[in-house]
Amino acid sequence: MLDGKHAISTGSTKVGSLIGDHTKTSIGTLFNTGSYVGAMTIIMATGKPLPKSIPSFAWYVEGMVTKGFGRGKLYETAAMAMSRRGCQWTEAEQAMWDAIFDMTAPIRNEAIKKSRRAMMMK
């Protein structure tokens, strides 16, 4: 479910979680089987299984999807992690991630709005 709504057949009987590049999780994160977590996502464990889908460039904190501190901080962290592995963050790399950010905006914004509505109901 790359968009959180439509299942994609893998042709496999069993599939683990799909976790995007540069995604960070806290200790104790519990993934559901077949979960999809987008790229550049930050997950802070709640002690409960995560939803099946968390969009790219989102922060999942206390059961809510938020925009966090923005993509600049995510890029800084990714560049630091890459440098520890002998890789360099380039302009081409940034352009690619900027395009992915734009492509995933509708799904992410919908998830953030849904979380805000749920918070207002409490």
PDB file of N, CA and C in Angstrom:
ATOM      1  N   MET A   1       0.835  -1.172   0.000  1.00  0.00           N
ATOM      2  CA  MET A   1       0.000   0.000   0.000  1.00  0.00           C
ATOM      3  C   MET A   1       0.888   1.246   0.000  1.00  0.00           C
ATOM      4  N   LEU A   2       1.432   1.574  -1.100  1.00  0.00           N
ATOM      5  CA  LEU A   2       2.328   2.717  -1.180  1.00  0.00           C
ATOM      6  C   LEU A   2       1.604   4.033  -0.916  1.00  0.00           C
ATOM      7  N   ASP A   3       0.314   4.059  -1.205  1.00  0.00           N
ATOM      8  CA  ASP A   3      -0.456   5.277  -0.947  1.00  0.00           C
ATOM      9  C   ASP A   3      -1.339   5.152   0.285  1.00  0.00           C
ATOM     10  N   GLY A   4      -1.219   4.044   1.005  1.00  0.00           N
ATOM     11  CA  GLY A   4      -2.014   3.842   2.211  1.00  0.00           C
ATOM     12  C   GLY A   4      -3.428   3.365   1.941  1.00  0.00           C
ATOM     13  N   LYS A   5      -3.785   3.177   0.677  1.00  0.00           N
ATOM     14  CA  LYS A   5      -5.163   2.809   0.334  1.00  0.00           C
ATOM     15  C   LYS A   5      -5.266   1.569  -0.556  1.00  0.00           C
ATOM     16  N   HIS A   6      -4.382   1.476  -1.533  1.00  0.00           N
ATOM     17  CA  HIS A   6      -4.489   0.428  -2.541  1.00  0.00           C
ATOM     18  C   HIS A   6      -3.383  -0.602  -2.367  1.00  0.00           C
ATOM     19  N   ALA A   7      -3.790  -1.855  -2.133  1.00  0.00           N
ATOM     20  CA  ALA A   7      -2.822  -2.942  -1.964  1.00  0.00           C
ATOM     21  C   ALA A   7      -2.150  -3.251  -3.304  1.00  0.00           C
ATOM     22  N   ILE A   8      -0.895  -3.650  -3.231  1.00  0.00           N
ATOM     23  CA  ILE A   8      -0.141  -4.042  -4.417  1.00  0.00           C
ATOM     24  C   ILE A   8       0.268  -5.493  -4.228  1.00  0.00           C
ATOM     25  N   SER A   9      -0.100  -6.345  -5.175  1.00  0.00           N
ATOM     26  CA  SER A   9       0.248  -7.761  -5.093  1.00  0.00           C
ATOM     27  C   SER A   9       1.741  -7.944  -5.347  1.00  0.00           C
ATOM     28  N   THR A  10       2.400  -8.654  -4.425  1.00  0.00           N
ATOM     29  CA  THR A  10       3.826  -8.945  -4.587  1.00  0.00           C
ATOM     30  C   THR A  10       4.037 -10.313  -5.218  1.00  0.00           C
ATOM     31  N   GLY A  11       2.981 -11.105  -5.254  1.00  0.00           N
ATOM     32  CA  GLY A  11       3.119 -12.466  -5.754  1.00  0.00           C
ATOM     33  C   GLY A  11       3.713 -13.408  -4.726  1.00  0.00           C
ATOM     34  N   SER A  12       3.980 -12.889  -3.526  1.00  0.00           N
ATOM     35  CA  SER A  12       4.562 -13.697  -2.447  1.00  0.00           C
ATOM     36  C   SER A  12       3.505 -14.024  -1.406  1.00  0.00           C
ATOM     37  N   THR A  13       3.682 -15.182  -0.757  1.00  0.00           N
ATOM     38  CA  THR A  13       2.769 -15.584   0.302  1.00  0.00           C
ATOM     39  C   THR A  13       2.963 -14.723   1.540  1.00  0.00           C
ATOM     40  N   LYS A  14       4.218 -14.443   1.865  1.00  0.00           N
ATOM     41  CA  LYS A  14       4.536 -13.649   3.056  1.00  0.00           C
ATOM     42  C   LYS A  14       5.434 -12.484   2.661  1.00  0.00           C
ATOM     43  N   VAL A  15       5.155 -11.326   3.219  1.00  0.00           N
ATOM     44  CA  VAL A  15       5.961 -10.142   2.956  1.00  0.00           C
ATOM     45  C   VAL A  15       6.195  -9.419   4.270  1.00  0.00           C
ATOM     46  N   GLY A  16       7.426  -9.063   4.533  1.00  0.00           N
ATOM     47  CA  GLY A  16       7.739  -8.282   5.723  1.00  0.00           C
ATOM     48  C   GLY A  16       7.428  -6.818   5.480  1.00  0.00           C
ATOM     49  N   SER A  17       7.915  -5.973   6.333  1.00  0.00           N
ATOM     50  CA  SER A  17       7.699  -4.541   6.189  1.00  0.00           C
ATOM     51  C   SER A  17       8.613  -3.964   5.114  1.00  0.00           C
ATOM     52  N   LEU A  18       8.125  -2.950   4.421  1.00  0.00           N
ATOM     53  CA  LEU A  18       8.913  -2.200   3.456  1.00  0.00           C
ATOM     54  C   LEU A  18       9.220  -0.852   4.097  1.00  0.00           C
ATOM     55  N   ILE A  19      10.497  -0.551   4.272  1.00  0.00           N
ATOM     56  CA  ILE A  19      10.906   0.657   4.982  1.00  0.00           C
ATOM     57  C   ILE A  19      11.814   1.463   4.056  1.00  0.00           C
ATOM     58  N   GLY A  20      11.441   2.727   3.811  1.00  0.00           N
ATOM     59  CA  GLY A  20      12.153   3.584   2.881  1.00  0.00           C
ATOM     60  C   GLY A  20      13.529   4.017   3.365  1.00  0.00           C
ATOM     61  N   ASP A  21      14.346   4.449   2.436  1.00  0.00           N
ATOM     62  CA  ASP A  21      15.696   4.941   2.727  1.00  0.00           C
ATOM     63  C   ASP A  21      15.655   6.115   3.700  1.00  0.00           C
ATOM     64  N   HIS A  22      16.655   6.169   4.541  1.00  0.00           N
ATOM     65  CA  HIS A  22      16.856   7.251   5.515  1.00  0.00           C
ATOM     66  C   HIS A  22      15.720   7.369   6.536  1.00  0.00           C
ATOM     67  N   THR A  23      14.987   6.296   6.736  1.00  0.00           N
ATOM     68  CA  THR A  23      13.958   6.279   7.779  1.00  0.00           C
ATOM     69  C   THR A  23      14.614   5.895   9.091  1.00  0.00           C
ATOM     70  N   LYS A  24      14.201   6.547  10.150  1.00  0.00           N
ATOM     71  CA  LYS A  24      14.757   6.299  11.489  1.00  0.00           C
ATOM     72  C   LYS A  24      13.624   5.838  12.403  1.00  0.00           C
ATOM     73  N   THR A  25      13.941   4.828  13.244  1.00  0.00           N
ATOM     74  CA  THR A  25      12.960   4.325  14.208  1.00  0.00           C
ATOM     75  C   THR A  25      13.578   4.325  15.602  1.00  0.00           C
ATOM     76  N   SER A  26      12.737   4.498  16.597  1.00  0.00           N
ATOM     77  CA  SER A  26      13.230   4.412  17.969  1.00  0.00           C
ATOM     78  C   SER A  26      13.243   2.951  18.407  1.00  0.00           C
ATOM     79  N   ILE A  27      13.890   2.701  19.531  1.00  0.00           N
ATOM     80  CA  ILE A  27      13.925   1.355  20.098  1.00  0.00           C
ATOM     81  C   ILE A  27      12.502   0.960  20.488  1.00  0.00           C
ATOM     82  N   GLY A  28      12.145  -0.278  20.228  1.00  0.00           N
ATOM     83  CA  GLY A  28      10.831  -0.781  20.617  1.00  0.00           C
ATOM     84  C   GLY A  28       9.745  -0.535  19.583  1.00  0.00           C
ATOM     85  N   THR A  29      10.123  -0.168  18.361  1.00  0.00           N
ATOM     86  CA  THR A  29       9.138   0.061  17.304  1.00  0.00           C
ATOM     87  C   THR A  29       8.567  -1.283  16.863  1.00  0.00           C
ATOM     88  N   LEU A  30       7.244  -1.386  16.801  1.00  0.00           N
ATOM     89  CA  LEU A  30       6.560  -2.627  16.440  1.00  0.00           C
ATOM     90  C   LEU A  30       5.873  -2.472  15.091  1.00  0.00           C
ATOM     91  N   PHE A  31       6.416  -3.142  14.081  1.00  0.00           N
ATOM     92  CA  PHE A  31       5.842  -3.081  12.735  1.00  0.00           C
ATOM     93  C   PHE A  31       4.829  -4.201  12.543  1.00  0.00           C
ATOM     94  N   ASN A  32       3.740  -3.913  11.830  1.00  0.00           N
ATOM     95  CA  ASN A  32       2.807  -4.939  11.386  1.00  0.00           C
ATOM     96  C   ASN A  32       3.419  -5.652  10.189  1.00  0.00           C
ATOM     97  N   THR A  33       3.031  -6.887   9.964  1.00  0.00           N
ATOM     98  CA  THR A  33       3.446  -7.599   8.770  1.00  0.00           C
ATOM     99  C   THR A  33       2.922  -6.858   7.554  1.00  0.00           C
ATOM    100  N   GLY A  34       3.771  -6.660   6.568  1.00  0.00           N
ATOM    101  CA  GLY A  34       3.347  -5.991   5.344  1.00  0.00           C
ATOM    102  C   GLY A  34       3.205  -4.484   5.476  1.00  0.00           C
ATOM    103  N   SER A  35       3.760  -3.894   6.515  1.00  0.00           N
ATOM    104  CA  SER A  35       3.683  -2.441   6.681  1.00  0.00           C
ATOM    105  C   SER A  35       4.529  -1.740   5.626  1.00  0.00           C
ATOM    106  N   TYR A  36       4.108  -0.534   5.271  1.00  0.00           N
ATOM    107  CA  TYR A  36       4.882   0.309   4.364  1.00  0.00           C
ATOM    108  C   TYR A  36       5.202   1.607   5.097  1.00  0.00           C
ATOM    109  N   VAL A  37       6.486   1.896   5.244  1.00  0.00           N
ATOM    110  CA  VAL A  37       6.932   3.145   5.850  1.00  0.00           C
ATOM    111  C   VAL A  37       7.755   3.862   4.788  1.00  0.00           C
ATOM    112  N   GLY A  38       7.341   5.059   4.441  1.00  0.00           N
ATOM    113  CA  GLY A  38       8.007   5.812   3.391  1.00  0.00           C
ATOM    114  C   GLY A  38       9.425   6.224   3.747  1.00  0.00           C
ATOM    115  N   ALA A  39      10.079   6.857   2.798  1.00  0.00           N
ATOM    116  CA  ALA A  39      11.451   7.323   2.968  1.00  0.00           C
ATOM    117  C   ALA A  39      11.507   8.580   3.828  1.00  0.00           C
ATOM    118  N   MET A  40      12.644   8.787   4.486  1.00  0.00           N
ATOM    119  CA  MET A  40      12.903   9.977   5.301  1.00  0.00           C
ATOM    120  C   MET A  40      11.823  10.180   6.368  1.00  0.00           C
ATOM    121  N   THR A  41      11.372   9.089   6.948  1.00  0.00           N
ATOM    122  CA  THR A  41      10.346   9.121   7.985  1.00  0.00           C
ATOM    123  C   THR A  41      10.999   8.916   9.341  1.00  0.00           C
ATOM    124  N   ILE A  42      10.472   9.580  10.349  1.00  0.00           N
ATOM    125  CA  ILE A  42      10.941   9.420  11.725  1.00  0.00           C
ATOM    126  C   ILE A  42       9.808   8.768  12.513  1.00  0.00           C
ATOM    127  N   ILE A  43      10.119   7.665  13.202  1.00  0.00           N
ATOM    128  CA  ILE A  43       9.106   6.952  13.983  1.00  0.00           C
ATOM    129  C   ILE A  43       9.553   6.866  15.429  1.00  0.00           C
ATOM    130  N   MET A  44       8.698   7.335  16.314  1.00  0.00           N
ATOM    131  CA  MET A  44       8.943   7.211  17.750  1.00  0.00           C
ATOM    132  C   MET A  44       7.951   6.203  18.299  1.00  0.00           C
ATOM    133  N   ALA A  45       8.480   5.124  18.848  1.00  0.00           N
ATOM    134  CA  ALA A  45       7.661   3.992  19.284  1.00  0.00           C
ATOM    135  C   ALA A  45       6.637   4.413  20.330  1.00  0.00           C
ATOM    136  N   THR A  46       5.482   3.776  20.236  1.00  0.00           N
ATOM    137  CA  THR A  46       4.406   4.004  21.203  1.00  0.00           C
ATOM    138  C   THR A  46       4.167   2.773  22.062  1.00  0.00           C
ATOM    139  N   GLY A  47       4.867   1.671  21.759  1.00  0.00           N
ATOM    140  CA  GLY A  47       4.631   0.418  22.465  1.00  0.00           C
ATOM    141  C   GLY A  47       3.491  -0.379  21.862  1.00  0.00           C
ATOM    142  N   LYS A  48       2.871   0.164  20.810  1.00  0.00           N
ATOM    143  CA  LYS A  48       1.776  -0.503  20.109  1.00  0.00           C
ATOM    144  C   LYS A  48       2.205  -0.694  18.653  1.00  0.00           C
ATOM    145  N   PRO A  49       1.608  -1.685  17.978  1.00  0.00           N
ATOM    146  CA  PRO A  49       1.937  -1.849  16.552  1.00  0.00           C
ATOM    147  C   PRO A  49       1.597  -0.586  15.765  1.00  0.00           C
ATOM    148  N   LEU A  50       2.426  -0.293  14.779  1.00  0.00           N
ATOM    149  CA  LEU A  50       2.224   0.881  13.926  1.00  0.00           C
ATOM    150  C   LEU A  50       1.087   0.645  12.945  1.00  0.00           C
ATOM    151  N   PRO A  51       0.561   1.725  12.357  1.00  0.00           N
ATOM    152  CA  PRO A  51      -0.404   1.541  11.275  1.00  0.00           C
ATOM    153  C   PRO A  51       0.277   0.867  10.078  1.00  0.00           C
ATOM    154  N   LYS A  52      -0.498   0.339   9.173  1.00  0.00           N
ATOM    155  CA  LYS A  52       0.046  -0.363   8.009  1.00  0.00           C
ATOM    156  C   LYS A  52       0.821   0.568   7.077  1.00  0.00           C
ATOM    157  N   SER A  53       0.529   1.863   7.092  1.00  0.00           N
ATOM    158  CA  SER A  53       1.177   2.783   6.174  1.00  0.00           C
ATOM    159  C   SER A  53       1.501   4.105   6.865  1.00  0.00           C
ATOM    160  N   ILE A  54       2.750   4.546   6.721  1.00  0.00           N
ATOM    161  CA  ILE A  54       3.182   5.860   7.202  1.00  0.00           C
ATOM    162  C   ILE A  54       3.888   6.520   6.021  1.00  0.00           C
ATOM    163  N   PRO A  55       3.458   7.722   5.635  1.00  0.00           N
ATOM    164  CA  PRO A  55       3.991   8.336   4.419  1.00  0.00           C
ATOM    165  C   PRO A  55       5.427   8.838   4.546  1.00  0.00           C
ATOM    166  N   SER A  56       6.043   9.065   3.415  1.00  0.00           N
ATOM    167  CA  SER A  56       7.393   9.613   3.351  1.00  0.00           C
ATOM    168  C   SER A  56       7.452  11.022   3.934  1.00  0.00           C
ATOM    169  N   PHE A  57       8.600  11.372   4.510  1.00  0.00           N
ATOM    170  CA  PHE A  57       8.884  12.690   5.062  1.00  0.00           C
ATOM    171  C   PHE A  57       7.953  13.067   6.217  1.00  0.00           C
ATOM    172  N   ALA A  58       7.377  12.082   6.870  1.00  0.00           N
ATOM    173  CA  ALA A  58       6.497  12.347   8.004  1.00  0.00           C
ATOM    174  C   ALA A  58       7.179  11.920   9.296  1.00  0.00           C
ATOM    175  N   TRP A  59       6.708  12.458  10.389  1.00  0.00           N
ATOM    176  CA  TRP A  59       7.109  12.017  11.713  1.00  0.00           C
ATOM    177  C   TRP A  59       5.895  11.337  12.326  1.00  0.00           C
ATOM    178  N   TYR A  60       6.100  10.171  12.906  1.00  0.00           N
ATOM    179  CA  TYR A  60       5.027   9.459  13.600  1.00  0.00           C
ATOM    180  C   TYR A  60       5.364   9.513  15.085  1.00  0.00           C
ATOM    181  N   VAL A  61       4.634  10.353  15.812  1.00  0.00           N
ATOM    182  CA  VAL A  61       4.906  10.615  17.219  1.00  0.00           C
ATOM    183  C   VAL A  61       3.615  10.449  18.018  1.00  0.00           C
ATOM    184  N   GLU A  62       3.652   9.604  19.045  1.00  0.00           N
ATOM    185  CA  GLU A  62       2.507   9.372  19.922  1.00  0.00           C
ATOM    186  C   GLU A  62       1.228   9.058  19.139  1.00  0.00           C
ATOM    187  N   GLY A  63       1.380   8.225  18.117  1.00  0.00           N
ATOM    188  CA  GLY A  63       0.228   7.771  17.347  1.00  0.00           C
ATOM    189  C   GLY A  63      -0.285   8.759  16.324  1.00  0.00           C
ATOM    190  N   MET A  64       0.425   9.858  16.110  1.00  0.00           N
ATOM    191  CA  MET A  64      -0.009  10.894  15.170  1.00  0.00           C
ATOM    192  C   MET A  64       1.046  11.109  14.080  1.00  0.00           C
ATOM    193  N   VAL A  65       0.591  11.378  12.875  1.00  0.00           N
ATOM    194  CA  VAL A  65       1.480  11.729  11.773  1.00  0.00           C
ATOM    195  C   VAL A  65       1.608  13.247  11.767  1.00  0.00           C
ATOM    196  N   THR A  66       2.861  13.741  11.806  1.00  0.00           N
ATOM    197  CA  THR A  66       3.117  15.184  11.784  1.00  0.00           C
ATOM    198  C   THR A  66       4.165  15.500  10.730  1.00  0.00           C
ATOM    199  N   LYS A  67       4.358  16.788  10.464  1.00  0.00           N
ATOM    200  CA  LYS A  67       5.396  17.175   9.503  1.00  0.00           C
ATOM    201  C   LYS A  67       6.751  17.345  10.162  1.00  0.00           C
ATOM    202  N   GLY A  68       6.827  17.254  11.481  1.00  0.00           N
ATOM    203  CA  GLY A  68       8.099  17.337  12.183  1.00  0.00           C
ATOM    204  C   GLY A  68       8.781  18.673  11.991  1.00  0.00           C
ATOM    205  N   PHE A  69      10.102  18.654  11.848  1.00  0.00           N
ATOM    206  CA  PHE A  69      10.890  19.876  11.705  1.00  0.00           C
ATOM    207  C   PHE A  69      11.172  20.221  10.251  1.00  0.00           C
ATOM    208  N   GLY A  70      10.558  19.522   9.317  1.00  0.00           N
ATOM    209  CA  GLY A  70      10.761  19.817   7.902  1.00  0.00           C
ATOM    210  C   GLY A  70      11.877  19.009   7.275  1.00  0.00           C
ATOM    211  N   ARG A  71      11.963  19.102   5.971  1.00  0.00           N
ATOM    212  CA  ARG A  71      12.906  18.260   5.240  1.00  0.00           C
ATOM    213  C   ARG A  71      14.352  18.694   5.389  1.00  0.00           C
ATOM    214  N   GLY A  72      14.603  19.961   5.712  1.00  0.00           N
ATOM    215  CA  GLY A  72      15.985  20.420   5.891  1.00  0.00           C
ATOM    216  C   GLY A  72      16.731  19.604   6.932  1.00  0.00           C
ATOM    217  N   LYS A  73      16.100  19.377   8.082  1.00  0.00           N
ATOM    218  CA  LYS A  73      16.722  18.571   9.146  1.00  0.00           C
ATOM    219  C   LYS A  73      16.895  17.126   8.702  1.00  0.00           C
ATOM    220  N   LEU A  74      15.914  16.615   7.957  1.00  0.00           N
ATOM    221  CA  LEU A  74      16.027  15.238   7.460  1.00  0.00           C
ATOM    222  C   LEU A  74      17.203  15.118   6.494  1.00  0.00           C
ATOM    223  N   TYR A  75      17.383  16.112   5.640  1.00  0.00           N
ATOM    224  CA  TYR A  75      18.503  16.108   4.692  1.00  0.00           C
ATOM    225  C   TYR A  75      19.838  16.169   5.434  1.00  0.00           C
ATOM    226  N   GLU A  76      19.916  17.005   6.460  1.00  0.00           N
ATOM    227  CA  GLU A  76      21.159  17.100   7.245  1.00  0.00           C
ATOM    228  C   GLU A  76      21.527  15.751   7.853  1.00  0.00           C
ATOM    229  N   THR A  77      20.533  15.086   8.422  1.00  0.00           N
ATOM    230  CA  THR A  77      20.772  13.785   9.041  1.00  0.00           C
ATOM    231  C   THR A  77      21.185  12.753   7.991  1.00  0.00           C
ATOM    232  N   ALA A  78      20.519  12.759   6.840  1.00  0.00           N
ATOM    233  CA  ALA A  78      20.854  11.815   5.770  1.00  0.00           C
ATOM    234  C   ALA A  78      22.283  12.055   5.267  1.00  0.00           C
ATOM    235  N   ALA A  79      22.654  13.321   5.104  1.00  0.00           N
ATOM    236  CA  ALA A  79      24.011  13.650   4.642  1.00  0.00           C
ATOM    237  C   ALA A  79      25.065  13.178   5.642  1.00  0.00           C
ATOM    238  N   MET A  80      24.763  13.339   6.931  1.00  0.00           N
ATOM    239  CA  MET A  80      25.691  12.893   7.972  1.00  0.00           C
ATOM    240  C   MET A  80      25.843  11.375   7.942  1.00  0.00           C
ATOM    241  N   ALA A  81      24.716  10.658   7.831  1.00  0.00           N
ATOM    242  CA  ALA A  81      24.766   9.191   7.780  1.00  0.00           C
ATOM    243  C   ALA A  81      25.524   8.722   6.541  1.00  0.00           C
ATOM    244  N   MET A  82      25.300   9.377   5.414  1.00  0.00           N
ATOM    245  CA  MET A  82      26.000   9.000   4.186  1.00  0.00           C
ATOM    246  C   MET A  82      27.504   9.229   4.319  1.00  0.00           C
ATOM    247  N   SER A  83      27.884  10.344   4.944  1.00  0.00           N
ATOM    248  CA  SER A  83      29.323  10.639   5.073  1.00  0.00           C
ATOM    249  C   SER A  83      30.041   9.598   5.924  1.00  0.00           C
ATOM    250  N   ARG A  84      29.338   9.029   6.908  1.00  0.00           N
ATOM    251  CA  ARG A  84      29.945   7.969   7.728  1.00  0.00           C
ATOM    252  C   ARG A  84      30.202   6.709   6.913  1.00  0.00           C
ATOM    253  N   ARG A  85      29.536   6.585   5.789  1.00  0.00           N
ATOM    254  CA  ARG A  85      29.703   5.420   4.915  1.00  0.00           C
ATOM    255  C   ARG A  85      30.545   5.749   3.674  1.00  0.00           C
ATOM    256  N   GLY A  86      31.189   6.911   3.701  1.00  0.00           N
ATOM    257  CA  GLY A  86      32.049   7.298   2.595  1.00  0.00           C
ATOM    258  C   GLY A  86      31.296   7.815   1.380  1.00  0.00           C
ATOM    259  N   CYS A  87      30.030   8.197   1.543  1.00  0.00           N
ATOM    260  CA  CYS A  87      29.228   8.726   0.442  1.00  0.00           C
ATOM    261  C   CYS A  87      29.010  10.222   0.662  1.00  0.00           C
ATOM    262  N   GLN A  88      28.700  10.912  -0.415  1.00  0.00           N
ATOM    263  CA  GLN A  88      28.523  12.356  -0.326  1.00  0.00           C
ATOM    264  C   GLN A  88      27.120  12.743  -0.771  1.00  0.00           C
ATOM    265  N   TRP A  89      26.521  13.690  -0.047  1.00  0.00           N
ATOM    266  CA  TRP A  89      25.221  14.268  -0.414  1.00  0.00           C
ATOM    267  C   TRP A  89      25.492  15.279  -1.529  1.00  0.00           C
ATOM    268  N   THR A  90      24.933  15.044  -2.695  1.00  0.00           N
ATOM    269  CA  THR A  90      25.191  15.900  -3.851  1.00  0.00           C
ATOM    270  C   THR A  90      23.959  16.714  -4.218  1.00  0.00           C
ATOM    271  N   GLU A  91      24.141  17.651  -5.136  1.00  0.00           N
ATOM    272  CA  GLU A  91      23.004  18.427  -5.640  1.00  0.00           C
ATOM    273  C   GLU A  91      22.003  17.515  -6.343  1.00  0.00           C
ATOM    274  N   ALA A  92      22.505  16.510  -7.047  1.00  0.00           N
ATOM    275  CA  ALA A  92      21.623  15.554  -7.727  1.00  0.00           C
ATOM    276  C   ALA A  92      20.806  14.764  -6.709  1.00  0.00           C
ATOM    277  N   GLU A  93      21.464  14.367  -5.627  1.00  0.00           N
ATOM    278  CA  GLU A  93      20.775  13.646  -4.548  1.00  0.00           C
ATOM    279  C   GLU A  93      19.649  14.516  -3.976  1.00  0.00           C
ATOM    280  N   GLN A  94      19.971  15.772  -3.701  1.00  0.00           N
ATOM    281  CA  GLN A  94      18.970  16.683  -3.152  1.00  0.00           C
ATOM    282  C   GLN A  94      17.824  16.892  -4.135  1.00  0.00           C
ATOM    283  N   ALA A  95      18.132  17.044  -5.413  1.00  0.00           N
ATOM    284  CA  ALA A  95      17.082  17.220  -6.422  1.00  0.00           C
ATOM    285  C   ALA A  95      16.159  16.000  -6.466  1.00  0.00           C
ATOM    286  N   MET A  96      16.755  14.809  -6.351  1.00  0.00           N
ATOM    287  CA  MET A  96      15.942  13.584  -6.336  1.00  0.00           C
ATOM    288  C   MET A  96      15.003  13.578  -5.136  1.00  0.00           C
ATOM    289  N   TRP A  97      15.546  13.878  -3.940  1.00  0.00           N
ATOM    290  CA  TRP A  97      14.717  13.867  -2.734  1.00  0.00           C
ATOM    291  C   TRP A  97      13.667  14.979  -2.755  1.00  0.00           C
ATOM    292  N   ASP A  98      14.004  16.132  -3.341  1.00  0.00           N
ATOM    293  CA  ASP A  98      13.011  17.206  -3.486  1.00  0.00           C
ATOM    294  C   ASP A  98      11.843  16.733  -4.356  1.00  0.00           C
ATOM    295  N   ALA A  99      12.152  16.012  -5.434  1.00  0.00           N
ATOM    296  CA  ALA A  99      11.102  15.478  -6.314  1.00  0.00           C
ATOM    297  C   ALA A  99      10.252  14.446  -5.578  1.00  0.00           C
ATOM    298  N   ILE A 100      10.885  13.589  -4.790  1.00  0.00           N
ATOM    299  CA  ILE A 100      10.135  12.586  -4.013  1.00  0.00           C
ATOM    300  C   ILE A 100       9.256  13.281  -2.979  1.00  0.00           C
ATOM    301  N   PHE A 101       9.777  14.322  -2.334  1.00  0.00           N
ATOM    302  CA  PHE A 101       8.989  15.095  -1.376  1.00  0.00           C
ATOM    303  C   PHE A 101       7.723  15.639  -2.052  1.00  0.00           C
ATOM    304  N   ASP A 102       7.880  16.225  -3.229  1.00  0.00           N
ATOM    305  CA  ASP A 102       6.737  16.788  -3.954  1.00  0.00           C
ATOM    306  C   ASP A 102       5.745  15.708  -4.382  1.00  0.00           C
ATOM    307  N   MET A 103       6.259  14.568  -4.853  1.00  0.00           N
ATOM    308  CA  MET A 103       5.380  13.475  -5.298  1.00  0.00           C
ATOM    309  C   MET A 103       4.576  12.875  -4.155  1.00  0.00           C
ATOM    310  N   THR A 104       5.153  12.855  -2.965  1.00  0.00           N
ATOM    311  CA  THR A 104       4.481  12.219  -1.824  1.00  0.00           C
ATOM    312  C   THR A 104       3.682  13.203  -0.971  1.00  0.00           C
ATOM    313  N   ALA A 105       3.696  14.485  -1.340  1.00  0.00           N
ATOM    314  CA  ALA A 105       3.001  15.511  -0.548  1.00  0.00           C
ATOM    315  C   ALA A 105       1.511  15.235  -0.349  1.00  0.00           C
ATOM    316  N   PRO A 106       0.753  14.867  -1.383  1.00  0.00           N
ATOM    317  CA  PRO A 106      -0.689  14.664  -1.158  1.00  0.00           C
ATOM    318  C   PRO A 106      -0.998  13.589  -0.115  1.00  0.00           C
ATOM    319  N   ILE A 107      -0.288  12.478  -0.171  1.00  0.00           N
ATOM    320  CA  ILE A 107      -0.525  11.383   0.782  1.00  0.00           C
ATOM    321  C   ILE A 107      -0.129  11.822   2.192  1.00  0.00           C
ATOM    322  N   ARG A 108       1.014  12.472   2.299  1.00  0.00           N
ATOM    323  CA  ARG A 108       1.505  12.950   3.599  1.00  0.00           C
ATOM    324  C   ARG A 108       0.552  13.995   4.188  1.00  0.00           C
ATOM    325  N   ASN A 109       0.143  14.964   3.376  1.00  0.00           N
ATOM    326  CA  ASN A 109      -0.744  16.018   3.870  1.00  0.00           C
ATOM    327  C   ASN A 109      -2.091  15.460   4.317  1.00  0.00           C
ATOM    328  N   GLU A 110      -2.590  14.471   3.609  1.00  0.00           N
ATOM    329  CA  GLU A 110      -3.846  13.818   4.003  1.00  0.00           C
ATOM    330  C   GLU A 110      -3.689  13.121   5.357  1.00  0.00           C
ATOM    331  N   ALA A 111      -2.564  12.430   5.562  1.00  0.00           N
ATOM    332  CA  ALA A 111      -2.320  11.734   6.831  1.00  0.00           C
ATOM    333  C   ALA A 111      -2.160  12.732   7.981  1.00  0.00           C
ATOM    334  N   ILE A 112      -1.507  13.859   7.724  1.00  0.00           N
ATOM    335  CA  ILE A 112      -1.344  14.883   8.760  1.00  0.00           C
ATOM    336  C   ILE A 112      -2.702  15.470   9.133  1.00  0.00           C
ATOM    337  N   LYS A 113      -3.533  15.765   8.139  1.00  0.00           N
ATOM    338  CA  LYS A 113      -4.875  16.304   8.410  1.00  0.00           C
ATOM    339  C   LYS A 113      -5.709  15.317   9.217  1.00  0.00           C
ATOM    340  N   LYS A 114      -5.614  14.033   8.859  1.00  0.00           N
ATOM    341  CA  LYS A 114      -6.354  12.998   9.581  1.00  0.00           C
ATOM    342  C   LYS A 114      -5.915  12.950  11.042  1.00  0.00           C
ATOM    343  N   SER A 115      -4.623  13.051  11.294  1.00  0.00           N
ATOM    344  CA  SER A 115      -4.108  13.047  12.666  1.00  0.00           C
ATOM    345  C   SER A 115      -4.568  14.287  13.429  1.00  0.00           C
ATOM    346  N   ARG A 116      -4.578  15.434  12.756  1.00  0.00           N
ATOM    347  CA  ARG A 116      -5.035  16.669  13.420  1.00  0.00           C
ATOM    348  C   ARG A 116      -6.504  16.574  13.790  1.00  0.00           C
ATOM    349  N   ARG A 117      -7.312  16.004  12.882  1.00  0.00           N
ATOM    350  CA  ARG A 117      -8.743  15.833  13.186  1.00  0.00           C
ATOM    351  C   ARG A 117      -8.932  14.914  14.381  1.00  0.00           C
ATOM    352  N   ALA A 118      -8.163  13.825  14.427  1.00  0.00           N
ATOM    353  CA  ALA A 118      -8.259  12.882  15.541  1.00  0.00           C
ATOM    354  C   ALA A 118      -7.859  13.559  16.856  1.00  0.00           C
ATOM    355  N   MET A 119      -6.842  14.410  16.811  1.00  0.00           N
ATOM    356  CA  MET A 119      -6.401  15.114  18.004  1.00  0.00           C
ATOM    357  C   MET A 119      -7.476  16.091  18.492  1.00  0.00           C
ATOM    358  N   MET A 120      -8.169  16.743  17.567  1.00  0.00           N
ATOM    359  CA  MET A 120      -9.225  17.683  17.921  1.00  0.00           C
ATOM    360  C   MET A 120     -10.414  16.988  18.583  1.00  0.00           C
ATOM    361  N   MET A 121     -10.607  15.700  18.233  1.00  0.00           N
ATOM    362  CA  MET A 121     -11.732  14.924  18.771  1.00  0.00           C
ATOM    363  C   MET A 121     -11.486  14.510  20.211  1.00  0.00           C
ATOM    364  N   LYS A 122     -10.221  14.526  20.646  1.00  0.00           N
ATOM    365  CA  LYS A 122      -9.892  14.079  22.002  1.00  0.00           C
ATOM    366  C   LYS A 122     -10.300  15.091  23.032  1.00  0.00           C
TER     367      LYS A 122
END
